[in-house]
Amino acid sequence: QAIVDTGRNGVTGLRLEWNDWCNVNGAGFGPGGESDGTSDSSATRYDSSCGKADSFKPSPEAGAWNQAYFEMLLRNAVPSF
């Protein structure tokens, strides 16, 4: 399982202390939906964790936008959008 939390990474330098994470005033969404790694076992940057039975496939190289995964997250959101 994975949680993609982009709720506080769009605007940096707002927290007075590192552990001030709750509902940070002025926070904004940052980039999200990036792949953790490719499911293509022939790729140079292949990580075997991305090829396991419970991994989302196909997935692009790490850091690339993964539209299909993003759409799955929206479909499976609880509560739904």
N, C-alpha and C. Protein backbone atom coordinates (compact mmCIF):
# COMPACT_ATOMS: atom_id res chain seq x y z
N GLN A 1 0.83 -1.18 0.00
CA GLN A 1 0.00 0.00 0.00
C GLN A 1 0.87 1.23 0.00
N ALA A 2 0.35 2.29 -0.56
CA ALA A 2 1.08 3.55 -0.59
C ALA A 2 0.10 4.70 -0.43
N ILE A 3 0.56 5.72 0.22
CA ILE A 3 -0.22 6.94 0.34
C ILE A 3 0.60 8.04 -0.31
N VAL A 4 -0.01 8.74 -1.25
CA VAL A 4 0.67 9.84 -1.93
C VAL A 4 0.17 11.12 -1.27
N ASP A 5 0.98 11.71 -0.43
CA ASP A 5 0.60 12.92 0.31
C ASP A 5 1.28 14.12 -0.31
N THR A 6 0.49 14.92 -1.01
CA THR A 6 1.03 16.14 -1.60
C THR A 6 0.35 17.35 -1.00
N GLY A 7 -0.25 17.17 0.16
CA GLY A 7 -1.03 18.23 0.78
C GLY A 7 -0.22 19.36 1.39
N ARG A 8 1.09 19.18 1.56
CA ARG A 8 1.88 20.24 2.19
C ARG A 8 3.18 20.51 1.45
N ASN A 9 3.38 19.92 0.29
CA ASN A 9 4.69 20.07 -0.34
C ASN A 9 4.75 21.13 -1.43
N GLY A 10 3.67 21.83 -1.70
CA GLY A 10 3.69 22.84 -2.74
C GLY A 10 4.29 24.16 -2.30
N VAL A 11 4.15 24.47 -1.04
CA VAL A 11 4.69 25.72 -0.48
C VAL A 11 5.60 25.32 0.67
N THR A 12 6.86 25.65 0.58
CA THR A 12 7.81 25.23 1.61
C THR A 12 8.17 26.37 2.55
N GLY A 13 8.77 26.01 3.67
CA GLY A 13 9.26 27.01 4.62
C GLY A 13 8.20 27.65 5.49
N LEU A 14 7.04 27.00 5.62
CA LEU A 14 5.96 27.58 6.40
C LEU A 14 5.97 27.15 7.87
N ARG A 15 6.48 25.95 8.14
CA ARG A 15 6.41 25.41 9.50
C ARG A 15 7.48 26.04 10.38
N LEU A 16 7.10 26.35 11.59
CA LEU A 16 8.05 26.90 12.56
C LEU A 16 8.95 25.81 13.11
N GLU A 17 8.41 24.59 13.23
CA GLU A 17 9.17 23.44 13.70
C GLU A 17 8.86 22.26 12.79
N TRP A 18 9.82 21.34 12.64
CA TRP A 18 9.68 20.20 11.75
C TRP A 18 8.43 19.39 12.06
N ASN A 19 8.09 19.23 13.35
CA ASN A 19 6.94 18.39 13.71
C ASN A 19 5.62 19.15 13.65
N ASP A 20 5.60 20.37 13.15
CA ASP A 20 4.35 21.10 12.93
C ASP A 20 3.78 20.69 11.58
N TRP A 21 2.98 19.63 11.58
CA TRP A 21 2.48 19.08 10.33
C TRP A 21 0.98 19.21 10.17
N CYS A 22 0.26 19.51 11.22
CA CYS A 22 -1.20 19.47 11.18
C CYS A 22 -1.81 20.73 10.57
N ASN A 23 -2.47 20.58 9.44
CA ASN A 23 -3.20 21.69 8.80
C ASN A 23 -2.37 22.96 8.72
N VAL A 24 -1.24 22.87 8.10
CA VAL A 24 -0.30 23.99 8.02
C VAL A 24 -0.94 25.17 7.28
N ASN A 25 -0.99 26.32 7.93
CA ASN A 25 -1.58 27.52 7.35
C ASN A 25 -0.76 27.98 6.15
N GLY A 26 -1.42 28.20 5.02
CA GLY A 26 -0.75 28.65 3.81
C GLY A 26 -0.24 27.53 2.92
N ALA A 27 -0.44 26.26 3.33
CA ALA A 27 0.04 25.12 2.55
C ALA A 27 -0.68 25.02 1.22
N GLY A 28 -0.04 24.37 0.26
CA GLY A 28 -0.65 24.15 -1.04
C GLY A 28 -0.21 22.84 -1.65
N PHE A 29 -1.02 22.33 -2.58
CA PHE A 29 -0.67 21.09 -3.26
C PHE A 29 0.61 21.26 -4.06
N GLY A 30 1.40 20.22 -4.07
CA GLY A 30 2.62 20.19 -4.87
C GLY A 30 2.47 19.16 -5.97
N PRO A 31 3.55 18.84 -6.66
CA PRO A 31 3.46 17.86 -7.74
C PRO A 31 3.12 16.49 -7.18
N GLY A 32 2.30 15.79 -7.86
CA GLY A 32 1.90 14.46 -7.40
C GLY A 32 1.74 13.49 -8.55
N GLY A 33 1.45 12.25 -8.22
CA GLY A 33 1.20 11.26 -9.23
C GLY A 33 2.42 10.71 -9.92
N GLU A 34 3.59 10.96 -9.38
CA GLU A 34 4.81 10.46 -10.01
C GLU A 34 5.02 9.00 -9.67
N SER A 35 5.59 8.29 -10.61
CA SER A 35 5.85 6.87 -10.44
C SER A 35 6.98 6.62 -9.44
N ASP A 36 6.83 5.55 -8.66
CA ASP A 36 7.91 5.14 -7.76
C ASP A 36 8.97 4.34 -8.51
N GLY A 37 8.59 3.81 -9.65
CA GLY A 37 9.53 3.02 -10.44
C GLY A 37 8.81 2.24 -11.52
N THR A 38 9.56 1.80 -12.50
CA THR A 38 8.97 1.10 -13.64
C THR A 38 8.73 -0.38 -13.35
N SER A 39 7.70 -0.93 -14.01
CA SER A 39 7.44 -2.37 -13.92
C SER A 39 8.12 -3.12 -15.07
N ASP A 40 8.83 -2.40 -15.92
CA ASP A 40 9.55 -2.99 -17.06
C ASP A 40 10.89 -3.54 -16.58
N SER A 41 10.98 -4.86 -16.49
CA SER A 41 12.19 -5.50 -15.93
C SER A 41 13.43 -5.31 -16.81
N SER A 42 13.27 -4.86 -18.05
CA SER A 42 14.44 -4.62 -18.91
C SER A 42 14.97 -3.19 -18.78
N ALA A 43 14.29 -2.35 -18.02
CA ALA A 43 14.71 -0.95 -17.86
C ALA A 43 15.95 -0.85 -16.97
N THR A 44 16.78 0.13 -17.24
CA THR A 44 18.01 0.35 -16.48
C THR A 44 17.74 0.56 -15.01
N ARG A 45 16.69 1.32 -14.68
CA ARG A 45 16.40 1.67 -13.29
C ARG A 45 15.34 0.76 -12.67
N TYR A 46 15.17 -0.44 -13.20
CA TYR A 46 14.16 -1.36 -12.68
C TYR A 46 14.43 -1.72 -11.23
N ASP A 47 13.38 -1.70 -10.43
CA ASP A 47 13.45 -2.11 -9.03
C ASP A 47 12.49 -3.29 -8.88
N SER A 48 12.97 -4.40 -8.40
CA SER A 48 12.13 -5.60 -8.32
C SER A 48 10.87 -5.39 -7.49
N SER A 49 10.85 -4.42 -6.60
CA SER A 49 9.65 -4.12 -5.83
C SER A 49 8.51 -3.67 -6.74
N CYS A 50 8.85 -3.09 -7.87
CA CYS A 50 7.84 -2.57 -8.80
C CYS A 50 7.30 -3.65 -9.73
N GLY A 51 7.84 -4.85 -9.65
CA GLY A 51 7.39 -5.94 -10.49
C GLY A 51 6.62 -7.01 -9.73
N LYS A 52 6.40 -6.79 -8.45
CA LYS A 52 5.70 -7.78 -7.63
C LYS A 52 4.24 -7.89 -8.04
N ALA A 53 3.62 -8.99 -7.62
CA ALA A 53 2.24 -9.28 -8.01
C ALA A 53 1.26 -8.19 -7.61
N ASP A 54 1.51 -7.51 -6.51
CA ASP A 54 0.57 -6.49 -6.05
C ASP A 54 0.94 -5.08 -6.49
N SER A 55 1.91 -4.96 -7.40
CA SER A 55 2.32 -3.66 -7.93
C SER A 55 1.45 -3.28 -9.11
N PHE A 56 1.22 -1.98 -9.29
CA PHE A 56 0.44 -1.48 -10.42
C PHE A 56 1.28 -1.59 -11.69
N LYS A 57 0.71 -2.22 -12.72
CA LYS A 57 1.43 -2.40 -13.98
C LYS A 57 0.52 -2.04 -15.14
N PRO A 58 1.06 -1.50 -16.21
CA PRO A 58 2.45 -1.07 -16.35
C PRO A 58 2.68 0.27 -15.67
N SER A 59 3.89 0.50 -15.23
CA SER A 59 4.28 1.77 -14.62
C SER A 59 5.52 2.30 -15.32
N PRO A 60 5.60 3.63 -15.47
CA PRO A 60 6.75 4.23 -16.15
C PRO A 60 7.97 4.31 -15.23
N GLU A 61 9.05 4.87 -15.75
CA GLU A 61 10.26 5.10 -14.96
C GLU A 61 9.95 5.97 -13.74
N ALA A 62 10.73 5.83 -12.69
CA ALA A 62 10.56 6.63 -11.47
C ALA A 62 10.59 8.11 -11.81
N GLY A 63 9.66 8.85 -11.23
CA GLY A 63 9.60 10.29 -11.43
C GLY A 63 8.74 10.73 -12.60
N ALA A 64 8.35 9.80 -13.46
CA ALA A 64 7.49 10.14 -14.60
C ALA A 64 6.03 10.15 -14.15
N TRP A 65 5.23 11.00 -14.79
CA TRP A 65 3.80 11.06 -14.46
C TRP A 65 3.16 9.73 -14.83
N ASN A 66 2.31 9.23 -13.94
CA ASN A 66 1.63 7.96 -14.15
C ASN A 66 0.12 8.22 -14.15
N GLN A 67 -0.41 8.61 -15.30
CA GLN A 67 -1.82 8.98 -15.42
C GLN A 67 -2.75 7.84 -15.01
N ALA A 68 -2.47 6.63 -15.45
CA ALA A 68 -3.34 5.50 -15.12
C ALA A 68 -3.39 5.26 -13.62
N TYR A 69 -2.26 5.39 -12.94
CA TYR A 69 -2.23 5.20 -11.49
C TYR A 69 -3.01 6.32 -10.80
N PHE A 70 -2.85 7.54 -11.28
CA PHE A 70 -3.58 8.68 -10.74
C PHE A 70 -5.09 8.45 -10.87
N GLU A 71 -5.52 7.98 -12.04
CA GLU A 71 -6.94 7.71 -12.26
C GLU A 71 -7.44 6.61 -11.35
N MET A 72 -6.61 5.59 -11.10
CA MET A 72 -6.99 4.52 -10.19
C MET A 72 -7.16 5.07 -8.77
N LEU A 73 -6.23 5.94 -8.35
CA LEU A 73 -6.35 6.54 -7.02
C LEU A 73 -7.65 7.31 -6.89
N LEU A 74 -8.04 8.03 -7.93
CA LEU A 74 -9.31 8.77 -7.90
C LEU A 74 -10.50 7.81 -7.83
N ARG A 75 -10.48 6.76 -8.64
CA ARG A 75 -11.59 5.79 -8.65
C ARG A 75 -11.73 5.11 -7.29
N ASN A 76 -10.61 4.84 -6.64
CA ASN A 76 -10.62 4.07 -5.39
C ASN A 76 -10.62 4.94 -4.14
N ALA A 77 -10.73 6.24 -4.30
CA ALA A 77 -10.65 7.16 -3.16
C ALA A 77 -11.79 6.91 -2.17
N VAL A 78 -11.46 6.97 -0.90
CA VAL A 78 -12.44 6.86 0.18
C VAL A 78 -12.19 8.01 1.14
N PRO A 79 -13.09 8.97 1.21
CA PRO A 79 -14.36 9.03 0.49
C PRO A 79 -14.13 9.36 -0.97
N SER A 80 -15.13 9.03 -1.80
CA SER A 80 -14.98 9.25 -3.24
C SER A 80 -15.04 10.73 -3.58
N PHE A 81 -14.47 11.06 -4.73
CA PHE A 81 -14.49 12.44 -5.21
C PHE A 81 -15.77 12.71 -5.95
